[in-house]
Amino acid sequence: MLMLCLKKHQLRSATMPRLTAKDFPQELLDYYDYYAHGKISKREFLNLAAKYAVGGMTALALFDLLKPNYALATQVEFTDPEIVAEYITYPSPNGHGEVRGYLVITRKDKRQNASRGGGA
């Protein structure tokens, strides 16, 4: 059973430390992976995760603990001299129009690609 592997002092803490994959059973991580990659619906994930919800924990609370917090990702300035960053557009072959993406590569990779005759 999942007890979230937290020490007692962490449960009382106002700000919980960020959990890692080691804090969850592998089966629960697999269920989340199936959900994240569209193999099961959110409802199916919540039903499967319910068996790991113990104490005051709900399956929805587990979902919130498992989903990534993209705001914590490393931020790099658009003008960082070590990178080449640009917005690109490319066609979507399944009829979704054009896709706009943010492409970032290191200057080193850009130089290596250019020397091989490729472009960014």
PDB file of N, CA and C in Angstrom:
ATOM      1  N   MET A   1       0.828  -1.192   0.000  1.00  0.00           N
ATOM      2  CA  MET A   1       0.000   0.000   0.000  1.00  0.00           C
ATOM      3  C   MET A   1       0.870   1.252   0.000  1.00  0.00           C
ATOM      4  N   LEU A   2       0.364   2.250  -0.623  1.00  0.00           N
ATOM      5  CA  LEU A   2       1.081   3.516  -0.697  1.00  0.00           C
ATOM      6  C   LEU A   2       0.806   4.345   0.541  1.00  0.00           C
ATOM      7  N   MET A   3       1.848   4.704   1.208  1.00  0.00           N
ATOM      8  CA  MET A   3       1.724   5.641   2.323  1.00  0.00           C
ATOM      9  C   MET A   3       2.478   6.916   1.970  1.00  0.00           C
ATOM     10  N   LEU A   4       2.807   7.046   0.705  1.00  0.00           N
ATOM     11  CA  LEU A   4       3.539   8.170   0.151  1.00  0.00           C
ATOM     12  C   LEU A   4       4.947   8.291   0.701  1.00  0.00           C
ATOM     13  N   CYS A   5       5.363   7.311   1.443  1.00  0.00           N
ATOM     14  CA  CYS A   5       6.753   7.224   1.893  1.00  0.00           C
ATOM     15  C   CYS A   5       7.267   8.524   2.501  1.00  0.00           C
ATOM     16  N   LEU A   6       6.395   9.273   3.118  1.00  0.00           N
ATOM     17  CA  LEU A   6       6.818  10.527   3.737  1.00  0.00           C
ATOM     18  C   LEU A   6       7.075  10.298   5.213  1.00  0.00           C
ATOM     19  N   LYS A   7       8.093  10.944   5.711  1.00  0.00           N
ATOM     20  CA  LYS A   7       8.367  10.880   7.140  1.00  0.00           C
ATOM     21  C   LYS A   7       7.294  11.673   7.882  1.00  0.00           C
ATOM     22  N   LYS A   8       7.083  11.339   9.133  1.00  0.00           N
ATOM     23  CA  LYS A   8       6.018  11.985   9.899  1.00  0.00           C
ATOM     24  C   LYS A   8       6.163  13.499   9.933  1.00  0.00           C
ATOM     25  N   HIS A   9       7.390  14.001  10.053  1.00  0.00           N
ATOM     26  CA  HIS A   9       7.549  15.458  10.111  1.00  0.00           C
ATOM     27  C   HIS A   9       7.189  16.105   8.781  1.00  0.00           C
ATOM     28  N   GLN A  10       7.310  15.367   7.668  1.00  0.00           N
ATOM     29  CA  GLN A  10       6.951  15.920   6.371  1.00  0.00           C
ATOM     30  C   GLN A  10       5.440  16.045   6.230  1.00  0.00           C
ATOM     31  N   LEU A  11       4.699  15.119   6.832  1.00  0.00           N
ATOM     32  CA  LEU A  11       3.246  15.186   6.751  1.00  0.00           C
ATOM     33  C   LEU A  11       2.698  16.417   7.454  1.00  0.00           C
ATOM     34  N   ARG A  12       3.379  16.879   8.476  1.00  0.00           N
ATOM     35  CA  ARG A  12       2.921  18.052   9.216  1.00  0.00           C
ATOM     36  C   ARG A  12       3.441  19.356   8.610  1.00  0.00           C
ATOM     37  N   SER A  13       4.357  19.267   7.700  1.00  0.00           N
ATOM     38  CA  SER A  13       4.971  20.448   7.108  1.00  0.00           C
ATOM     39  C   SER A  13       3.957  21.230   6.277  1.00  0.00           C
ATOM     40  N   ALA A  14       4.028  22.557   6.366  1.00  0.00           N
ATOM     41  CA  ALA A  14       3.124  23.401   5.586  1.00  0.00           C
ATOM     42  C   ALA A  14       3.457  23.326   4.102  1.00  0.00           C
ATOM     43  N   THR A  15       4.725  23.207   3.786  1.00  0.00           N
ATOM     44  CA  THR A  15       5.134  23.080   2.393  1.00  0.00           C
ATOM     45  C   THR A  15       5.813  21.728   2.222  1.00  0.00           C
ATOM     46  N   MET A  16       5.149  20.850   1.517  1.00  0.00           N
ATOM     47  CA  MET A  16       5.695  19.510   1.328  1.00  0.00           C
ATOM     48  C   MET A  16       6.837  19.545   0.326  1.00  0.00           C
ATOM     49  N   PRO A  17       7.842  18.720   0.541  1.00  0.00           N
ATOM     50  CA  PRO A  17       8.917  18.641  -0.444  1.00  0.00           C
ATOM     51  C   PRO A  17       8.385  18.009  -1.725  1.00  0.00           C
ATOM     52  N   ARG A  18       9.026  18.324  -2.819  1.00  0.00           N
ATOM     53  CA  ARG A  18       8.610  17.759  -4.099  1.00  0.00           C
ATOM     54  C   ARG A  18       8.901  16.264  -4.102  1.00  0.00           C
ATOM     55  N   LEU A  19       7.905  15.478  -4.442  1.00  0.00           N
ATOM     56  CA  LEU A  19       8.063  14.033  -4.475  1.00  0.00           C
ATOM     57  C   LEU A  19       8.720  13.601  -5.779  1.00  0.00           C
ATOM     58  N   THR A  20       9.385  12.463  -5.737  1.00  0.00           N
ATOM     59  CA  THR A  20      10.012  11.906  -6.935  1.00  0.00           C
ATOM     60  C   THR A  20       9.387  10.554  -7.230  1.00  0.00           C
ATOM     61  N   ALA A  21       9.767   9.964  -8.336  1.00  0.00           N
ATOM     62  CA  ALA A  21       9.228   8.662  -8.733  1.00  0.00           C
ATOM     63  C   ALA A  21       9.475   7.605  -7.668  1.00  0.00           C
ATOM     64  N   LYS A  22      10.552   7.734  -6.915  1.00  0.00           N
ATOM     65  CA  LYS A  22      10.861   6.758  -5.867  1.00  0.00           C
ATOM     66  C   LYS A  22       9.815   6.744  -4.757  1.00  0.00           C
ATOM     67  N   ASP A  23       9.027   7.802  -4.658  1.00  0.00           N
ATOM     68  CA  ASP A  23       8.021   7.914  -3.606  1.00  0.00           C
ATOM     69  C   ASP A  23       6.709   7.206  -3.947  1.00  0.00           C
ATOM     70  N   PHE A  24       6.595   6.654  -5.144  1.00  0.00           N
ATOM     71  CA  PHE A  24       5.358   6.031  -5.598  1.00  0.00           C
ATOM     72  C   PHE A  24       5.611   4.597  -6.043  1.00  0.00           C
ATOM     73  N   PRO A  25       4.616   3.723  -5.893  1.00  0.00           N
ATOM     74  CA  PRO A  25       4.756   2.361  -6.413  1.00  0.00           C
ATOM     75  C   PRO A  25       4.866   2.381  -7.941  1.00  0.00           C
ATOM     76  N   GLN A  26       5.644   1.476  -8.486  1.00  0.00           N
ATOM     77  CA  GLN A  26       5.849   1.435  -9.932  1.00  0.00           C
ATOM     78  C   GLN A  26       4.531   1.259 -10.681  1.00  0.00           C
ATOM     79  N   GLU A  27       3.635   0.450 -10.143  1.00  0.00           N
ATOM     80  CA  GLU A  27       2.358   0.218 -10.818  1.00  0.00           C
ATOM     81  C   GLU A  27       1.571   1.520 -10.969  1.00  0.00           C
ATOM     82  N   LEU A  28       1.585   2.361  -9.953  1.00  0.00           N
ATOM     83  CA  LEU A  28       0.898   3.646 -10.026  1.00  0.00           C
ATOM     84  C   LEU A  28       1.549   4.541 -11.071  1.00  0.00           C
ATOM     85  N   LEU A  29       2.870   4.528 -11.142  1.00  0.00           N
ATOM     86  CA  LEU A  29       3.577   5.305 -12.167  1.00  0.00           C
ATOM     87  C   LEU A  29       3.230   4.796 -13.561  1.00  0.00           C
ATOM     88  N   ASP A  30       3.110   3.483 -13.696  1.00  0.00           N
ATOM     89  CA  ASP A  30       2.723   2.904 -14.989  1.00  0.00           C
ATOM     90  C   ASP A  30       1.329   3.373 -15.394  1.00  0.00           C
ATOM     91  N   TYR A  31       0.401   3.381 -14.439  1.00  0.00           N
ATOM     92  CA  TYR A  31      -0.955   3.858 -14.733  1.00  0.00           C
ATOM     93  C   TYR A  31      -0.923   5.312 -15.202  1.00  0.00           C
ATOM     94  N   TYR A  32      -0.114   6.133 -14.519  1.00  0.00           N
ATOM     95  CA  TYR A  32      -0.033   7.541 -14.926  1.00  0.00           C
ATOM     96  C   TYR A  32       0.571   7.655 -16.324  1.00  0.00           C
ATOM     97  N   ASP A  33       1.564   6.836 -16.607  1.00  0.00           N
ATOM     98  CA  ASP A  33       2.183   6.843 -17.931  1.00  0.00           C
ATOM     99  C   ASP A  33       1.155   6.476 -19.005  1.00  0.00           C
ATOM    100  N   TYR A  34       0.325   5.478 -18.728  1.00  0.00           N
ATOM    101  CA  TYR A  34      -0.726   5.099 -19.683  1.00  0.00           C
ATOM    102  C   TYR A  34      -1.666   6.279 -19.923  1.00  0.00           C
ATOM    103  N   TYR A  35      -2.021   6.970 -18.848  1.00  0.00           N
ATOM    104  CA  TYR A  35      -2.899   8.135 -18.988  1.00  0.00           C
ATOM    105  C   TYR A  35      -2.214   9.241 -19.792  1.00  0.00           C
ATOM    106  N   ALA A  36      -0.968   9.552 -19.428  1.00  0.00           N
ATOM    107  CA  ALA A  36      -0.249  10.654 -20.074  1.00  0.00           C
ATOM    108  C   ALA A  36      -0.060  10.420 -21.567  1.00  0.00           C
ATOM    109  N   HIS A  37       0.016   9.166 -21.971  1.00  0.00           N
ATOM    110  CA  HIS A  37       0.234   8.843 -23.384  1.00  0.00           C
ATOM    111  C   HIS A  37      -1.042   8.402 -24.091  1.00  0.00           C
ATOM    112  N   GLY A  38      -2.183   8.677 -23.464  1.00  0.00           N
ATOM    113  CA  GLY A  38      -3.466   8.457 -24.117  1.00  0.00           C
ATOM    114  C   GLY A  38      -3.934   7.015 -24.195  1.00  0.00           C
ATOM    115  N   LYS A  39      -3.308   6.119 -23.457  1.00  0.00           N
ATOM    116  CA  LYS A  39      -3.717   4.713 -23.508  1.00  0.00           C
ATOM    117  C   LYS A  39      -4.948   4.448 -22.643  1.00  0.00           C
ATOM    118  N   ILE A  40      -5.152   5.265 -21.613  1.00  0.00           N
ATOM    119  CA  ILE A  40      -6.352   5.170 -20.779  1.00  0.00           C
ATOM    120  C   ILE A  40      -6.862   6.584 -20.516  1.00  0.00           C
ATOM    121  N   SER A  41      -8.132   6.679 -20.168  1.00  0.00           N
ATOM    122  CA  SER A  41      -8.721   7.989 -19.876  1.00  0.00           C
ATOM    123  C   SER A  41      -8.380   8.409 -18.447  1.00  0.00           C
ATOM    124  N   LYS A  42      -8.656   9.667 -18.149  1.00  0.00           N
ATOM    125  CA  LYS A  42      -8.427  10.156 -16.787  1.00  0.00           C
ATOM    126  C   LYS A  42      -9.308   9.389 -15.803  1.00  0.00           C
ATOM    127  N   ARG A  43     -10.533   9.111 -16.193  1.00  0.00           N
ATOM    128  CA  ARG A  43     -11.443   8.351 -15.332  1.00  0.00           C
ATOM    129  C   ARG A  43     -10.872   6.958 -15.048  1.00  0.00           C
ATOM    130  N   GLU A  44     -10.334   6.303 -16.091  1.00  0.00           N
ATOM    131  CA  GLU A  44      -9.730   4.982 -15.888  1.00  0.00           C
ATOM    132  C   GLU A  44      -8.528   5.079 -14.951  1.00  0.00           C
ATOM    133  N   PHE A  45      -7.706   6.124 -15.150  1.00  0.00           N
ATOM    134  CA  PHE A  45      -6.561   6.307 -14.255  1.00  0.00           C
ATOM    135  C   PHE A  45      -7.028   6.457 -12.810  1.00  0.00           C
ATOM    136  N   LEU A  46      -8.023   7.303 -12.587  1.00  0.00           N
ATOM    137  CA  LEU A  46      -8.502   7.539 -11.224  1.00  0.00           C
ATOM    138  C   LEU A  46      -9.065   6.260 -10.601  1.00  0.00           C
ATOM    139  N   ASN A  47      -9.765   5.458 -11.398  1.00  0.00           N
ATOM    140  CA  ASN A  47     -10.282   4.181 -10.887  1.00  0.00           C
ATOM    141  C   ASN A  47      -9.148   3.240 -10.501  1.00  0.00           C
ATOM    142  N   LEU A  48      -8.103   3.167 -11.336  1.00  0.00           N
ATOM    143  CA  LEU A  48      -6.961   2.298 -11.042  1.00  0.00           C
ATOM    144  C   LEU A  48      -6.156   2.818  -9.849  1.00  0.00           C
ATOM    145  N   ALA A  49      -6.021   4.137  -9.761  1.00  0.00           N
ATOM    146  CA  ALA A  49      -5.220   4.745  -8.689  1.00  0.00           C
ATOM    147  C   ALA A  49      -5.926   4.700  -7.342  1.00  0.00           C
ATOM    148  N   ALA A  50      -7.226   4.485  -7.348  1.00  0.00           N
ATOM    149  CA  ALA A  50      -8.001   4.515  -6.099  1.00  0.00           C
ATOM    150  C   ALA A  50      -7.490   3.513  -5.073  1.00  0.00           C
ATOM    151  N   LYS A  51      -6.962   2.385  -5.536  1.00  0.00           N
ATOM    152  CA  LYS A  51      -6.490   1.385  -4.564  1.00  0.00           C
ATOM    153  C   LYS A  51      -5.246   1.854  -3.818  1.00  0.00           C
ATOM    154  N   TYR A  52      -4.580   2.892  -4.317  1.00  0.00           N
ATOM    155  CA  TYR A  52      -3.401   3.444  -3.648  1.00  0.00           C
ATOM    156  C   TYR A  52      -3.748   4.643  -2.772  1.00  0.00           C
ATOM    157  N   ALA A  53      -4.990   5.065  -2.819  1.00  0.00           N
ATOM    158  CA  ALA A  53      -5.430   6.210  -2.022  1.00  0.00           C
ATOM    159  C   ALA A  53      -5.793   5.717  -0.626  1.00  0.00           C
ATOM    160  N   VAL A  54      -4.957   6.042   0.342  1.00  0.00           N
ATOM    161  CA  VAL A  54      -5.178   5.586   1.715  1.00  0.00           C
ATOM    162  C   VAL A  54      -5.291   6.791   2.640  1.00  0.00           C
ATOM    163  N   GLY A  55      -5.869   6.572   3.792  1.00  0.00           N
ATOM    164  CA  GLY A  55      -6.032   7.667   4.742  1.00  0.00           C
ATOM    165  C   GLY A  55      -6.910   8.744   4.140  1.00  0.00           C
ATOM    166  N   GLY A  56      -6.493   9.977   4.226  1.00  0.00           N
ATOM    167  CA  GLY A  56      -7.246  11.090   3.662  1.00  0.00           C
ATOM    168  C   GLY A  56      -6.921  11.357   2.204  1.00  0.00           C
ATOM    169  N   MET A  57      -6.052  10.551   1.630  1.00  0.00           N
ATOM    170  CA  MET A  57      -5.628  10.737   0.240  1.00  0.00           C
ATOM    171  C   MET A  57      -6.725  10.259  -0.709  1.00  0.00           C
ATOM    172  N   THR A  58      -6.970  11.009  -1.769  1.00  0.00           N
ATOM    173  CA  THR A  58      -7.916  10.584  -2.798  1.00  0.00           C
ATOM    174  C   THR A  58      -7.149  10.292  -4.076  1.00  0.00           C
ATOM    175  N   ALA A  59      -7.798   9.600  -4.997  1.00  0.00           N
ATOM    176  CA  ALA A  59      -7.158   9.311  -6.278  1.00  0.00           C
ATOM    177  C   ALA A  59      -6.842  10.611  -7.010  1.00  0.00           C
ATOM    178  N   LEU A  60      -7.705  11.606  -6.877  1.00  0.00           N
ATOM    179  CA  LEU A  60      -7.459  12.894  -7.523  1.00  0.00           C
ATOM    180  C   LEU A  60      -6.249  13.588  -6.912  1.00  0.00           C
ATOM    181  N   ALA A  61      -6.071  13.450  -5.600  1.00  0.00           N
ATOM    182  CA  ALA A  61      -4.886  14.026  -4.955  1.00  0.00           C
ATOM    183  C   ALA A  61      -3.626  13.333  -5.460  1.00  0.00           C
ATOM    184  N   LEU A  62      -3.695  12.015  -5.654  1.00  0.00           N
ATOM    185  CA  LEU A  62      -2.551  11.293  -6.227  1.00  0.00           C
ATOM    186  C   LEU A  62      -2.245  11.808  -7.628  1.00  0.00           C
ATOM    187  N   PHE A  63      -3.300  12.033  -8.404  1.00  0.00           N
ATOM    188  CA  PHE A  63      -3.127  12.562  -9.759  1.00  0.00           C
ATOM    189  C   PHE A  63      -2.376  13.892  -9.717  1.00  0.00           C
ATOM    190  N   ASP A  64      -2.775  14.763  -8.799  1.00  0.00           N
ATOM    191  CA  ASP A  64      -2.109  16.064  -8.677  1.00  0.00           C
ATOM    192  C   ASP A  64      -0.647  15.924  -8.261  1.00  0.00           C
ATOM    193  N   LEU A  65      -0.348  14.916  -7.440  1.00  0.00           N
ATOM    194  CA  LEU A  65       1.045  14.687  -7.034  1.00  0.00           C
ATOM    195  C   LEU A  65       1.889  14.143  -8.179  1.00  0.00           C
ATOM    196  N   LEU A  66       1.266  13.378  -9.067  1.00  0.00           N
ATOM    197  CA  LEU A  66       2.003  12.735 -10.158  1.00  0.00           C
ATOM    198  C   LEU A  66       2.221  13.641 -11.363  1.00  0.00           C
ATOM    199  N   LYS A  67       1.280  14.535 -11.628  1.00  0.00           N
ATOM    200  CA  LYS A  67       1.411  15.332 -12.849  1.00  0.00           C
ATOM    201  C   LYS A  67       2.579  16.313 -12.723  1.00  0.00           C
ATOM    202  N   PRO A  68       3.283  16.534 -13.825  1.00  0.00           N
ATOM    203  CA  PRO A  68       4.446  17.419 -13.780  1.00  0.00           C
ATOM    204  C   PRO A  68       4.054  18.874 -13.559  1.00  0.00           C
ATOM    205  N   ASN A  69       4.936  19.594 -12.908  1.00  0.00           N
ATOM    206  CA  ASN A  69       4.765  21.029 -12.718  1.00  0.00           C
ATOM    207  C   ASN A  69       5.738  21.708 -13.679  1.00  0.00           C
ATOM    208  N   TYR A  70       5.237  22.051 -14.854  1.00  0.00           N
ATOM    209  CA  TYR A  70       6.107  22.607 -15.890  1.00  0.00           C
ATOM    210  C   TYR A  70       6.693  23.957 -15.497  1.00  0.00           C
ATOM    211  N   ALA A  71       6.097  24.627 -14.533  1.00  0.00           N
ATOM    212  CA  ALA A  71       6.628  25.909 -14.073  1.00  0.00           C
ATOM    213  C   ALA A  71       7.974  25.735 -13.381  1.00  0.00           C
ATOM    214  N   LEU A  72       8.267  24.510 -12.928  1.00  0.00           N
ATOM    215  CA  LEU A  72       9.547  24.260 -12.266  1.00  0.00           C
ATOM    216  C   LEU A  72      10.668  23.940 -13.253  1.00  0.00           C
ATOM    217  N   ALA A  73      10.348  23.897 -14.531  1.00  0.00           N
ATOM    218  CA  ALA A  73      11.366  23.595 -15.539  1.00  0.00           C
ATOM    219  C   ALA A  73      12.415  24.699 -15.567  1.00  0.00           C
ATOM    220  N   THR A  74      13.609  24.342 -15.951  1.00  0.00           N
ATOM    221  CA  THR A  74      14.684  25.320 -16.043  1.00  0.00           C
ATOM    222  C   THR A  74      14.335  26.361 -17.089  1.00  0.00           C
ATOM    223  N   GLN A  75      14.477  27.611 -16.726  1.00  0.00           N
ATOM    224  CA  GLN A  75      14.180  28.708 -17.632  1.00  0.00           C
ATOM    225  C   GLN A  75      15.481  29.277 -18.190  1.00  0.00           C
ATOM    226  N   VAL A  76      15.517  29.480 -19.473  1.00  0.00           N
ATOM    227  CA  VAL A  76      16.674  30.068 -20.137  1.00  0.00           C
ATOM    228  C   VAL A  76      16.173  31.268 -20.926  1.00  0.00           C
ATOM    229  N   GLU A  77      16.880  32.354 -20.829  1.00  0.00           N
ATOM    230  CA  GLU A  77      16.492  33.559 -21.558  1.00  0.00           C
ATOM    231  C   GLU A  77      16.595  33.332 -23.064  1.00  0.00           C
ATOM    232  N   PHE A  78      15.675  33.927 -23.807  1.00  0.00           N
ATOM    233  CA  PHE A  78      15.661  33.842 -25.267  1.00  0.00           C
ATOM    234  C   PHE A  78      16.966  34.378 -25.856  1.00  0.00           C
ATOM    235  N   THR A  79      17.592  35.314 -25.153  1.00  0.00           N
ATOM    236  CA  THR A  79      18.817  35.955 -25.650  1.00  0.00           C
ATOM    237  C   THR A  79      20.089  35.305 -25.113  1.00  0.00           C
ATOM    238  N   ASP A  80      19.986  34.165 -24.447  1.00  0.00           N
ATOM    239  CA  ASP A  80      21.168  33.482 -23.903  1.00  0.00           C
ATOM    240  C   ASP A  80      22.157  33.220 -25.039  1.00  0.00           C
ATOM    241  N   PRO A  81      23.428  33.635 -24.890  1.00  0.00           N
ATOM    242  CA  PRO A  81      24.398  33.485 -25.979  1.00  0.00           C
ATOM    243  C   PRO A  81      24.761  32.032 -26.292  1.00  0.00           C
ATOM    244  N   GLU A  82      24.448  31.106 -25.410  1.00  0.00           N
ATOM    245  CA  GLU A  82      24.788  29.697 -25.630  1.00  0.00           C
ATOM    246  C   GLU A  82      23.761  28.949 -26.472  1.00  0.00           C
ATOM    247  N   ILE A  83      22.632  29.596 -26.768  1.00  0.00           N
ATOM    248  CA  ILE A  83      21.585  28.911 -27.517  1.00  0.00           C
ATOM    249  C   ILE A  83      21.176  29.691 -28.751  1.00  0.00           C
ATOM    250  N   VAL A  84      20.555  28.990 -29.665  1.00  0.00           N
ATOM    251  CA  VAL A  84      19.886  29.595 -30.809  1.00  0.00           C
ATOM    252  C   VAL A  84      18.419  29.219 -30.644  1.00  0.00           C
ATOM    253  N   ALA A  85      17.578  30.213 -30.440  1.00  0.00           N
ATOM    254  CA  ALA A  85      16.157  29.963 -30.200  1.00  0.00           C
ATOM    255  C   ALA A  85      15.335  30.684 -31.249  1.00  0.00           C
ATOM    256  N   GLU A  86      14.321  29.994 -31.744  1.00  0.00           N
ATOM    257  CA  GLU A  86      13.452  30.604 -32.738  1.00  0.00           C
ATOM    258  C   GLU A  86      12.098  29.910 -32.739  1.00  0.00           C
ATOM    259  N   TYR A  87      11.090  30.650 -33.150  1.00  0.00           N
ATOM    260  CA  TYR A  87       9.776  30.057 -33.357  1.00  0.00           C
ATOM    261  C   TYR A  87       9.740  29.538 -34.786  1.00  0.00           C
ATOM    262  N   ILE A  88       9.230  28.331 -34.959  1.00  0.00           N
ATOM    263  CA  ILE A  88       9.119  27.746 -36.293  1.00  0.00           C
ATOM    264  C   ILE A  88       7.680  27.297 -36.513  1.00  0.00           C
ATOM    265  N   THR A  89       7.289  27.189 -37.760  1.00  0.00           N
ATOM    266  CA  THR A  89       5.991  26.603 -38.100  1.00  0.00           C
ATOM    267  C   THR A  89       6.236  25.468 -39.073  1.00  0.00           C
ATOM    268  N   TYR A  90       5.408  24.451 -38.963  1.00  0.00           N
ATOM    269  CA  TYR A  90       5.523  23.321 -39.878  1.00  0.00           C
ATOM    270  C   TYR A  90       4.133  22.726 -40.069  1.00  0.00           C
ATOM    271  N   PRO A  91       3.916  22.069 -41.207  1.00  0.00           N
ATOM    272  CA  PRO A  91       2.584  21.532 -41.489  1.00  0.00           C
ATOM    273  C   PRO A  91       2.272  20.304 -40.643  1.00  0.00           C
ATOM    274  N   SER A  92       1.000  20.150 -40.322  1.00  0.00           N
ATOM    275  CA  SER A  92       0.526  18.957 -39.619  1.00  0.00           C
ATOM    276  C   SER A  92      -0.099  18.036 -40.660  1.00  0.00           C
ATOM    277  N   PRO A  93       0.462  16.854 -40.881  1.00  0.00           N
ATOM    278  CA  PRO A  93       0.005  15.991 -41.968  1.00  0.00           C
ATOM    279  C   PRO A  93      -1.415  15.453 -41.796  1.00  0.00           C
ATOM    280  N   ASN A  94      -1.967  15.515 -40.616  1.00  0.00           N
ATOM    281  CA  ASN A  94      -3.310  14.977 -40.398  1.00  0.00           C
ATOM    282  C   ASN A  94      -4.396  16.043 -40.448  1.00  0.00           C
ATOM    283  N   GLY A  95      -4.119  17.137 -41.126  1.00  0.00           N
ATOM    284  CA  GLY A  95      -5.143  18.144 -41.333  1.00  0.00           C
ATOM    285  C   GLY A  95      -5.400  19.094 -40.185  1.00  0.00           C
ATOM    286  N   HIS A  96      -4.417  19.284 -39.344  1.00  0.00           N
ATOM    287  CA  HIS A  96      -4.600  20.200 -38.223  1.00  0.00           C
ATOM    288  C   HIS A  96      -4.025  21.577 -38.529  1.00  0.00           C
ATOM    289  N   GLY A  97      -3.766  21.858 -39.766  1.00  0.00           N
ATOM    290  CA  GLY A  97      -3.192  23.143 -40.134  1.00  0.00           C
ATOM    291  C   GLY A  97      -1.712  23.196 -39.830  1.00  0.00           C
ATOM    292  N   GLU A  98      -1.232  24.374 -39.496  1.00  0.00           N
ATOM    293  CA  GLU A  98       0.175  24.523 -39.154  1.00  0.00           C
ATOM    294  C   GLU A  98       0.362  24.475 -37.647  1.00  0.00           C
ATOM    295  N   VAL A  99       1.515  23.969 -37.247  1.00  0.00           N
ATOM    296  CA  VAL A  99       1.889  23.913 -35.842  1.00  0.00           C
ATOM    297  C   VAL A  99       2.995  24.932 -35.622  1.00  0.00           C
ATOM    298  N   ARG A 100       2.878  25.705 -34.561  1.00  0.00           N
ATOM    299  CA  ARG A 100       3.919  26.670 -34.216  1.00  0.00           C
ATOM    300  C   ARG A 100       4.680  26.111 -33.034  1.00  0.00           C
ATOM    301  N   GLY A 101       5.992  26.034 -33.164  1.00  0.00           N
ATOM    302  CA  GLY A 101       6.813  25.487 -32.095  1.00  0.00           C
ATOM    303  C   GLY A 101       7.972  26.399 -31.756  1.00  0.00           C
ATOM    304  N   TYR A 102       8.521  26.179 -30.592  1.00  0.00           N
ATOM    305  CA  TYR A 102       9.665  26.945 -30.106  1.00  0.00           C
ATOM    306  C   TYR A 102      10.856  26.013 -30.142  1.00  0.00           C
ATOM    307  N   LEU A 103      11.756  26.226 -31.077  1.00  0.00           N
ATOM    308  CA  LEU A 103      12.918  25.374 -31.269  1.00  0.00           C
ATOM    309  C   LEU A 103      14.134  26.025 -30.622  1.00  0.00           C
ATOM    310  N   VAL A 104      14.800  25.268 -29.770  1.00  0.00           N
ATOM    311  CA  VAL A 104      16.005  25.758 -29.105  1.00  0.00           C
ATOM    312  C   VAL A 104      17.086  24.707 -29.258  1.00  0.00           C
ATOM    313  N   ILE A 105      18.228  25.115 -29.778  1.00  0.00           N
ATOM    314  CA  ILE A 105      19.391  24.234 -29.847  1.00  0.00           C
ATOM    315  C   ILE A 105      20.599  25.019 -29.356  1.00  0.00           C
ATOM    316  N   THR A 106      21.622  24.296 -28.944  1.00  0.00           N
ATOM    317  CA  THR A 106      22.833  24.993 -28.509  1.00  0.00           C
ATOM    318  C   THR A 106      23.578  25.507 -29.725  1.00  0.00           C
ATOM    319  N   ARG A 107      24.320  26.566 -29.540  1.00  0.00           N
ATOM    320  CA  ARG A 107      25.114  27.097 -30.655  1.00  0.00           C
ATOM    321  C   ARG A 107      26.075  26.039 -31.176  1.00  0.00           C
ATOM    322  N   LYS A 108      26.624  25.240 -30.278  1.00  0.00           N
ATOM    323  CA  LYS A 108      27.540  24.171 -30.670  1.00  0.00           C
ATOM    324  C   LYS A 108      26.838  23.210 -31.632  1.00  0.00           C
ATOM    325  N   ASP A 109      25.624  22.785 -31.306  1.00  0.00           N
ATOM    326  CA  ASP A 109      24.874  21.887 -32.182  1.00  0.00           C
ATOM    327  C   ASP A 109      24.556  22.555 -33.507  1.00  0.00           C
ATOM    328  N   LYS A 110      24.247  23.844 -33.480  1.00  0.00           N
ATOM    329  CA  LYS A 110      23.937  24.583 -34.710  1.00  0.00           C
ATOM    330  C   LYS A 110      25.154  24.594 -35.626  1.00  0.00           C
ATOM    331  N   ARG A 111      26.350  24.849 -35.043  1.00  0.00           N
ATOM    332  CA  ARG A 111      27.576  24.854 -35.854  1.00  0.00           C
ATOM    333  C   ARG A 111      27.850  23.471 -36.429  1.00  0.00           C
ATOM    334  N   GLN A 112      27.677  22.416 -35.616  1.00  0.00           N
ATOM    335  CA  GLN A 112      27.927  21.060 -36.101  1.00  0.00           C
ATOM    336  C   GLN A 112      26.949  20.689 -37.207  1.00  0.00           C
ATOM    337  N   ASN A 113      25.696  21.070 -37.058  1.00  0.00           N
ATOM    338  CA  ASN A 113      24.685  20.775 -38.057  1.00  0.00           C
ATOM    339  C   ASN A 113      24.982  21.529 -39.351  1.00  0.00           C
ATOM    340  N   ALA A 114      25.405  22.783 -39.244  1.00  0.00           N
ATOM    341  CA  ALA A 114      25.725  23.583 -40.422  1.00  0.00           C
ATOM    342  C   ALA A 114      26.920  23.003 -41.168  1.00  0.00           C
ATOM    343  N   SER A 115      27.898  22.486 -40.428  1.00  0.00           N
ATOM    344  CA  SER A 115      29.082  21.923 -41.084  1.00  0.00           C
ATOM    345  C   SER A 115      28.744  20.640 -41.837  1.00  0.00           C
ATOM    346  N   ARG A 116      27.635  19.983 -41.480  1.00  0.00           N
ATOM    347  CA  ARG A 116      27.201  18.773 -42.183  1.00  0.00           C
ATOM    348  C   ARG A 116      26.247  19.103 -43.319  1.00  0.00           C
ATOM    349  N   GLY A 117      25.986  20.382 -43.515  1.00  0.00           N
ATOM    350  CA  GLY A 117      25.105  20.781 -44.599  1.00  0.00           C
ATOM    351  C   GLY A 117      23.648  20.897 -44.202  1.00  0.00           C
ATOM    352  N   GLY A 118      23.342  20.743 -42.918  1.00  0.00           N
ATOM    353  CA  GLY A 118      21.958  20.849 -42.441  1.00  0.00           C
ATOM    354  C   GLY A 118      21.654  22.249 -41.984  1.00  0.00           C
ATOM    355  N   GLY A 119      20.422  22.520 -41.771  1.00  0.00           N
ATOM    356  CA  GLY A 119      20.001  23.811 -41.249  1.00  0.00           C
ATOM    357  C   GLY A 119      19.202  23.620 -39.987  1.00  0.00           C
ATOM    358  N   ALA A 120      18.862  24.716 -39.323  1.00  0.00           N
ATOM    359  CA  ALA A 120      18.092  24.605 -38.080  1.00  0.00           C
ATOM    360  C   ALA A 120      16.661  24.412 -38.343  1.00  0.00           C
TER     361      ALA A 120
END
